[in-house]
Structures are given as C-alpha cells and as structure tokens.
Amino acid sequence: MRPTFGFLTTLAAVAAAALSLSPARAATIGGTFYAVQYDFQEFWTATDGKSFRVVLAGNPFPALPPAQAAAGLLPVMQTAKPRPALTFTYDTSREEPRPDYRLVLVSNAANDLNGDTVCKGTTRFKPGPAGIVNLFAVYCRNDMAMSMATASTPASSPDDPKVSLLFRELFMVVFSDTPALKPNAGGMGRR
C-alpha cells in the first residue's frame, strides 16, 4: 500500500516540528586539551563558594568599548557558570594567590598561541571577523594550562542569547567532570 499525500504532508510537518524543538547548537567548540594533572575535583575544591578570577584579553565585541563588553560578559558567564557555586570576577587580589587558579579568555587569539604561554601572561591576537565571537579559553593553575578549548558563535553583543549558550557549552568542556579525566582513572595512573 502506498502512503497518501496527506500522510506524507503530516509526516513532513511532524519532522519539521521536531527539528524546530531540538536545541540548536550555539557554538562551535574545538581545540580541546586537558593536562595530565587536570582534576575536576581540584577545580571544585578551589572554586566552590569562592570568587573565581577571569582574565579577559582582547575585546570579543569590537563595536563596543572594551569596558562595556567586559561588564556585559560577566553576568552572562555567571548565568552559564559550571556546577561549583563560584562567582566570576575580574578583580585581582593584592597578593597573588598560590595556587593561582583562573580562567583566561583570549578574544581572536593568534594561531600560534598555546595554553601554557597564556597562563604565563602572554597573549597575541589576530584580526577577527565582524559579528563573530571567537574565544580561546584556558583554565590555568599557576603558569600551567589545566584545560583549554576554543569557541566561536555569531553574535555582536554580550546580551545575544547565543553568547550565553556559547559559555554553557564551553564551560562543560573546559571544566569537564568526566570520570575518564580523573587522575589514576581505572588504576592506570595519570601523573
């Protein structure tokens, strides 16, 4: 028996509705790296109930003054924060904490920039396309990159909903709690 035209039309409508309900990916995430020493439990212990410093290098929204772009990003990051009850801040303490945990976000990072270099305080930039947020996120412990990833999405201001989705996806990657990344996972010992 051949399906009727009405059946095919209904099937197409159901498929279109299902696609419209599926969440669209807001960001492209790539360049993921985890140091052997990366440990989500260490991140949790260092940040739960505490302030967690963010270093913003460059301006992800060139049409806005840098201070306005930075001020707009902080509440977006806070809303999208990873699981520990942390508070993102740009504030620096008078004395450098040891260990110094922080997240460095480099906007339109140069292609030859790496995580350990970023954690040591070096940033370089390349021209970025208008209307695209392009971030290189590095979670640092002192001068060492614990994890890193790149993320990009089309957006021209911090209040664009795609920016919040970008940070939700990015934080799940940079601050991954997968058991496969635990030191000594499976008795094989990661050192």
C-alpha atoms as a PDB file:
ATOM      1  CA  MET A   1       0.000   0.000   0.000  1.00  0.00           C
ATOM      2  CA  ARG A   2       1.380   3.418  -0.976  1.00  0.00           C
ATOM      3  CA  PRO A   3       1.259   6.279   1.511  1.00  0.00           C
ATOM      4  CA  THR A   4      -1.183   9.009   0.628  1.00  0.00           C
ATOM      5  CA  PHE A   5      -0.287  12.629   0.028  1.00  0.00           C
ATOM      6  CA  GLY A   6      -1.963  13.588   3.341  1.00  0.00           C
ATOM      7  CA  PHE A   7       0.154  11.073   5.238  1.00  0.00           C
ATOM      8  CA  LEU A   8       3.376  12.437   3.717  1.00  0.00           C
ATOM      9  CA  THR A   9       2.331  16.019   4.461  1.00  0.00           C
ATOM     10  CA  THR A  10       1.606  15.102   8.092  1.00  0.00           C
ATOM     11  CA  LEU A  11       4.901  13.239   8.366  1.00  0.00           C
ATOM     12  CA  ALA A  12       6.797  16.243   6.971  1.00  0.00           C
ATOM     13  CA  ALA A  13       5.017  18.574   9.415  1.00  0.00           C
ATOM     14  CA  VAL A  14       5.897  16.330  12.381  1.00  0.00           C
ATOM     15  CA  ALA A  15       9.542  16.167  11.274  1.00  0.00           C
ATOM     16  CA  ALA A  16       9.710  19.947  10.868  1.00  0.00           C
ATOM     17  CA  ALA A  17       8.190  20.448  14.318  1.00  0.00           C
ATOM     18  CA  ALA A  18      10.664  18.022  15.881  1.00  0.00           C
ATOM     19  CA  LEU A  19      13.583  19.835  14.275  1.00  0.00           C
ATOM     20  CA  SER A  20      12.331  23.211  15.466  1.00  0.00           C
ATOM     21  CA  LEU A  21      12.093  21.895  19.037  1.00  0.00           C
ATOM     22  CA  SER A  22      15.588  20.436  19.114  1.00  0.00           C
ATOM     23  CA  PRO A  23      18.069  22.809  20.688  1.00  0.00           C
ATOM     24  CA  ALA A  24      20.332  24.473  18.175  1.00  0.00           C
ATOM     25  CA  ARG A  25      23.993  24.413  18.980  1.00  0.00           C
ATOM     26  CA  ALA A  26      25.057  27.910  19.779  1.00  0.00           C
ATOM     27  CA  ALA A  27      28.774  27.486  19.440  1.00  0.00           C
ATOM     28  CA  THR A  28      31.489  25.626  17.679  1.00  0.00           C
ATOM     29  CA  ILE A  29      33.818  24.153  20.291  1.00  0.00           C
ATOM     30  CA  GLY A  30      37.212  22.748  19.318  1.00  0.00           C
ATOM     31  CA  GLY A  31      40.892  22.575  20.149  1.00  0.00           C
ATOM     32  CA  THR A  32      40.159  20.789  23.415  1.00  0.00           C
ATOM     33  CA  PHE A  33      43.100  19.815  25.607  1.00  0.00           C
ATOM     34  CA  TYR A  34      43.445  18.502  29.179  1.00  0.00           C
ATOM     35  CA  ALA A  35      46.728  18.326  31.044  1.00  0.00           C
ATOM     36  CA  VAL A  36      47.525  15.005  32.687  1.00  0.00           C
ATOM     37  CA  GLN A  37      47.222  16.879  36.006  1.00  0.00           C
ATOM     38  CA  TYR A  38      43.676  18.131  35.260  1.00  0.00           C
ATOM     39  CA  ASP A  39      41.289  17.130  38.034  1.00  0.00           C
ATOM     40  CA  PHE A  40      37.701  18.373  38.231  1.00  0.00           C
ATOM     41  CA  GLN A  41      37.641  17.733  41.983  1.00  0.00           C
ATOM     42  CA  GLU A  42      40.603  20.095  42.398  1.00  0.00           C
ATOM     43  CA  PHE A  43      38.710  22.750  40.392  1.00  0.00           C
ATOM     44  CA  TRP A  44      35.617  22.196  42.547  1.00  0.00           C
ATOM     45  CA  THR A  45      37.577  22.488  45.791  1.00  0.00           C
ATOM     46  CA  ALA A  46      39.355  25.650  44.604  1.00  0.00           C
ATOM     47  CA  THR A  47      36.190  27.436  43.456  1.00  0.00           C
ATOM     48  CA  ASP A  48      33.115  26.187  45.334  1.00  0.00           C
ATOM     49  CA  GLY A  49      31.679  29.072  47.344  1.00  0.00           C
ATOM     50  CA  LYS A  50      34.529  31.359  46.254  1.00  0.00           C
ATOM     51  CA  SER A  51      35.366  34.007  43.700  1.00  0.00           C
ATOM     52  CA  PHE A  52      36.976  32.707  40.522  1.00  0.00           C
ATOM     53  CA  ARG A  53      39.056  35.172  38.549  1.00  0.00           C
ATOM     54  CA  VAL A  54      38.561  35.662  34.824  1.00  0.00           C
ATOM     55  CA  VAL A  55      41.195  37.419  32.743  1.00  0.00           C
ATOM     56  CA  LEU A  56      39.704  38.862  29.572  1.00  0.00           C
ATOM     57  CA  ALA A  57      42.356  39.527  26.920  1.00  0.00           C
ATOM     58  CA  GLY A  58      41.133  41.471  23.923  1.00  0.00           C
ATOM     59  CA  ASN A  59      37.616  42.603  23.115  1.00  0.00           C
ATOM     60  CA  PRO A  60      35.210  39.958  21.777  1.00  0.00           C
ATOM     61  CA  PHE A  61      32.812  42.724  20.665  1.00  0.00           C
ATOM     62  CA  PRO A  62      34.870  45.340  18.767  1.00  0.00           C
ATOM     63  CA  ALA A  63      31.786  47.512  18.159  1.00  0.00           C
ATOM     64  CA  LEU A  64      31.576  48.086  21.944  1.00  0.00           C
ATOM     65  CA  PRO A  65      34.093  49.835  24.181  1.00  0.00           C
ATOM     66  CA  PRO A  66      36.212  47.152  25.938  1.00  0.00           C
ATOM     67  CA  ALA A  67      34.937  48.073  29.422  1.00  0.00           C
ATOM     68  CA  GLN A  68      31.314  47.814  28.278  1.00  0.00           C
ATOM     69  CA  ALA A  69      31.946  44.456  26.578  1.00  0.00           C
ATOM     70  CA  ALA A  70      33.670  43.105  29.712  1.00  0.00           C
ATOM     71  CA  ALA A  71      30.914  44.380  32.005  1.00  0.00           C
ATOM     72  CA  GLY A  72      28.279  42.766  29.779  1.00  0.00           C
ATOM     73  CA  LEU A  73      30.060  39.397  29.688  1.00  0.00           C
ATOM     74  CA  LEU A  74      30.425  38.908  33.441  1.00  0.00           C
ATOM     75  CA  PRO A  75      26.696  38.345  34.211  1.00  0.00           C
ATOM     76  CA  VAL A  76      26.375  36.136  31.117  1.00  0.00           C
ATOM     77  CA  MET A  77      29.229  33.941  32.343  1.00  0.00           C
ATOM     78  CA  GLN A  78      27.721  33.858  35.826  1.00  0.00           C
ATOM     79  CA  THR A  79      24.396  32.633  34.472  1.00  0.00           C
ATOM     80  CA  ALA A  80      26.156  29.929  32.439  1.00  0.00           C
ATOM     81  CA  LYS A  81      28.648  29.011  35.188  1.00  0.00           C
ATOM     82  CA  PRO A  82      29.853  25.454  35.774  1.00  0.00           C
ATOM     83  CA  ARG A  83      28.475  23.426  38.708  1.00  0.00           C
ATOM     84  CA  PRO A  84      30.530  24.724  41.672  1.00  0.00           C
ATOM     85  CA  ALA A  85      28.916  27.650  43.485  1.00  0.00           C
ATOM     86  CA  LEU A  86      31.545  30.050  42.225  1.00  0.00           C
ATOM     87  CA  THR A  87      31.347  33.756  41.466  1.00  0.00           C
ATOM     88  CA  PHE A  88      33.184  35.003  38.399  1.00  0.00           C
ATOM     89  CA  THR A  89      35.176  38.195  38.937  1.00  0.00           C
ATOM     90  CA  TYR A  90      37.702  40.322  37.088  1.00  0.00           C
ATOM     91  CA  ASP A  91      39.136  41.554  40.407  1.00  0.00           C
ATOM     92  CA  THR A  92      42.698  40.707  41.293  1.00  0.00           C
ATOM     93  CA  SER A  93      43.900  40.267  44.836  1.00  0.00           C
ATOM     94  CA  ARG A  94      46.761  42.345  46.222  1.00  0.00           C
ATOM     95  CA  GLU A  95      48.830  39.247  46.755  1.00  0.00           C
ATOM     96  CA  GLU A  96      48.973  36.623  44.048  1.00  0.00           C
ATOM     97  CA  PRO A  97      47.243  33.522  45.411  1.00  0.00           C
ATOM     98  CA  ARG A  98      49.086  30.216  45.341  1.00  0.00           C
ATOM     99  CA  PRO A  99      47.957  28.165  43.657  1.00  0.00           C
ATOM    100  CA  ASP A 100      46.582  30.786  41.281  1.00  0.00           C
ATOM    101  CA  TYR A 101      43.500  29.320  39.606  1.00  0.00           C
ATOM    102  CA  ARG A 102      41.933  31.437  36.873  1.00  0.00           C
ATOM    103  CA  LEU A 103      40.191  31.332  33.521  1.00  0.00           C
ATOM    104  CA  VAL A 104      41.837  33.306  30.716  1.00  0.00           C
ATOM    105  CA  LEU A 105      39.648  34.208  27.748  1.00  0.00           C
ATOM    106  CA  VAL A 106      41.606  35.418  24.729  1.00  0.00           C
ATOM    107  CA  SER A 107      39.498  37.020  22.046  1.00  0.00           C
ATOM    108  CA  ASN A 108      40.633  36.264  18.475  1.00  0.00           C
ATOM    109  CA  ALA A 109      43.793  34.528  19.675  1.00  0.00           C
ATOM    110  CA  ALA A 110      46.739  34.257  17.304  1.00  0.00           C
ATOM    111  CA  ASN A 111      47.039  30.826  15.712  1.00  0.00           C
ATOM    112  CA  ASP A 112      50.406  30.121  17.370  1.00  0.00           C
ATOM    113  CA  LEU A 113      49.243  30.914  20.917  1.00  0.00           C
ATOM    114  CA  ASN A 114      49.220  27.978  23.329  1.00  0.00           C
ATOM    115  CA  GLY A 115      47.742  27.428  26.780  1.00  0.00           C
ATOM    116  CA  ASP A 116      50.937  27.403  28.834  1.00  0.00           C
ATOM    117  CA  THR A 117      52.036  30.653  27.173  1.00  0.00           C
ATOM    118  CA  VAL A 118      48.664  32.206  28.034  1.00  0.00           C
ATOM    119  CA  CYS A 119      48.965  31.052  31.663  1.00  0.00           C
ATOM    120  CA  LYS A 120      52.379  32.768  31.807  1.00  0.00           C
ATOM    121  CA  GLY A 121      50.720  36.041  30.781  1.00  0.00           C
ATOM    122  CA  THR A 122      51.387  36.229  27.037  1.00  0.00           C
ATOM    123  CA  THR A 123      48.562  36.959  24.625  1.00  0.00           C
ATOM    124  CA  ARG A 124      48.617  37.689  20.918  1.00  0.00           C
ATOM    125  CA  PHE A 125      45.721  38.440  18.638  1.00  0.00           C
ATOM    126  CA  LYS A 126      44.691  38.153  15.016  1.00  0.00           C
ATOM    127  CA  PRO A 127      42.021  40.146  13.215  1.00  0.00           C
ATOM    128  CA  GLY A 128      38.585  38.704  13.843  1.00  0.00           C
ATOM    129  CA  PRO A 129      35.574  38.748  11.564  1.00  0.00           C
ATOM    130  CA  ALA A 130      32.835  41.215  12.478  1.00  0.00           C
ATOM    131  CA  GLY A 131      29.855  39.692  14.245  1.00  0.00           C
ATOM    132  CA  ILE A 132      31.685  36.526  15.365  1.00  0.00           C
ATOM    133  CA  VAL A 133      32.734  35.904  18.962  1.00  0.00           C
ATOM    134  CA  ASN A 134      35.913  33.816  18.910  1.00  0.00           C
ATOM    135  CA  LEU A 135      37.400  32.827  22.289  1.00  0.00           C
ATOM    136  CA  PHE A 136      40.392  30.775  23.364  1.00  0.00           C
ATOM    137  CA  ALA A 137      39.570  29.660  26.921  1.00  0.00           C
ATOM    138  CA  VAL A 138      42.386  28.439  29.166  1.00  0.00           C
ATOM    139  CA  TYR A 139      41.895  27.200  32.727  1.00  0.00           C
ATOM    140  CA  CYS A 140      45.186  27.911  34.493  1.00  0.00           C
ATOM    141  CA  ARG A 141      46.789  26.712  37.701  1.00  0.00           C
ATOM    142  CA  ASN A 142      49.772  28.992  38.256  1.00  0.00           C
ATOM    143  CA  ASP A 143      51.719  29.005  34.955  1.00  0.00           C
ATOM    144  CA  MET A 144      50.299  25.721  33.655  1.00  0.00           C
ATOM    145  CA  ALA A 145      47.268  25.126  31.449  1.00  0.00           C
ATOM    146  CA  MET A 146      44.992  22.554  33.068  1.00  0.00           C
ATOM    147  CA  SER A 147      42.493  22.573  30.196  1.00  0.00           C
ATOM    148  CA  MET A 148      41.669  24.651  27.163  1.00  0.00           C
ATOM    149  CA  ALA A 149      39.301  24.922  24.228  1.00  0.00           C
ATOM    150  CA  THR A 150      38.278  27.336  21.527  1.00  0.00           C
ATOM    151  CA  ALA A 151      34.712  28.503  20.979  1.00  0.00           C
ATOM    152  CA  SER A 152      33.002  30.681  18.428  1.00  0.00           C
ATOM    153  CA  THR A 153      29.486  31.809  17.619  1.00  0.00           C
ATOM    154  CA  PRO A 154      27.871  34.559  15.572  1.00  0.00           C
ATOM    155  CA  ALA A 155      26.985  37.397  17.956  1.00  0.00           C
ATOM    156  CA  SER A 156      27.592  41.131  18.143  1.00  0.00           C
ATOM    157  CA  SER A 157      26.817  41.864  21.801  1.00  0.00           C
ATOM    158  CA  PRO A 158      27.004  40.130  25.199  1.00  0.00           C
ATOM    159  CA  ASP A 159      23.210  40.069  25.514  1.00  0.00           C
ATOM    160  CA  ASP A 160      22.774  37.900  22.402  1.00  0.00           C
ATOM    161  CA  PRO A 161      21.331  34.546  23.651  1.00  0.00           C
ATOM    162  CA  LYS A 162      23.967  32.694  21.583  1.00  0.00           C
ATOM    163  CA  VAL A 163      26.687  34.093  23.864  1.00  0.00           C
ATOM    164  CA  SER A 164      25.066  32.522  26.930  1.00  0.00           C
ATOM    165  CA  LEU A 165      24.779  29.212  25.095  1.00  0.00           C
ATOM    166  CA  LEU A 166      28.414  29.506  23.996  1.00  0.00           C
ATOM    167  CA  PHE A 167      29.522  29.811  27.631  1.00  0.00           C
ATOM    168  CA  ARG A 168      27.290  26.929  28.773  1.00  0.00           C
ATOM    169  CA  GLU A 169      28.853  24.653  26.165  1.00  0.00           C
ATOM    170  CA  LEU A 170      32.376  25.987  26.658  1.00  0.00           C
ATOM    171  CA  PHE A 171      32.279  25.568  30.451  1.00  0.00           C
ATOM    172  CA  MET A 172      31.097  21.946  30.096  1.00  0.00           C
ATOM    173  CA  VAL A 173      34.232  21.288  28.066  1.00  0.00           C
ATOM    174  CA  VAL A 174      36.858  23.383  29.889  1.00  0.00           C
ATOM    175  CA  PHE A 175      35.617  22.255  33.319  1.00  0.00           C
ATOM    176  CA  SER A 176      34.713  18.685  32.376  1.00  0.00           C
ATOM    177  CA  ASP A 177      33.758  16.288  35.151  1.00  0.00           C
ATOM    178  CA  THR A 178      34.005  13.138  33.046  1.00  0.00           C
ATOM    179  CA  PRO A 179      35.444  10.211  35.011  1.00  0.00           C
ATOM    180  CA  ALA A 180      37.795   9.459  32.106  1.00  0.00           C
ATOM    181  CA  LEU A 181      39.831  12.565  33.033  1.00  0.00           C
ATOM    182  CA  LYS A 182      40.283  11.650  36.699  1.00  0.00           C
ATOM    183  CA  PRO A 183      43.884  11.136  37.754  1.00  0.00           C
ATOM    184  CA  ASN A 184      44.522   7.421  38.326  1.00  0.00           C
ATOM    185  CA  ALA A 185      41.295   6.540  36.473  1.00  0.00           C
ATOM    186  CA  GLY A 186      40.961   2.822  36.009  1.00  0.00           C
ATOM    187  CA  GLY A 187      44.080   2.115  38.038  1.00  0.00           C
ATOM    188  CA  MET A 188      46.290   3.033  35.068  1.00  0.00           C
ATOM    189  CA  GLY A 189      47.625   6.115  36.834  1.00  0.00           C
ATOM    190  CA  ARG A 190      47.799   9.527  35.175  1.00  0.00           C
ATOM    191  CA  ARG A 191      50.633  11.589  36.575  1.00  0.00           C
END
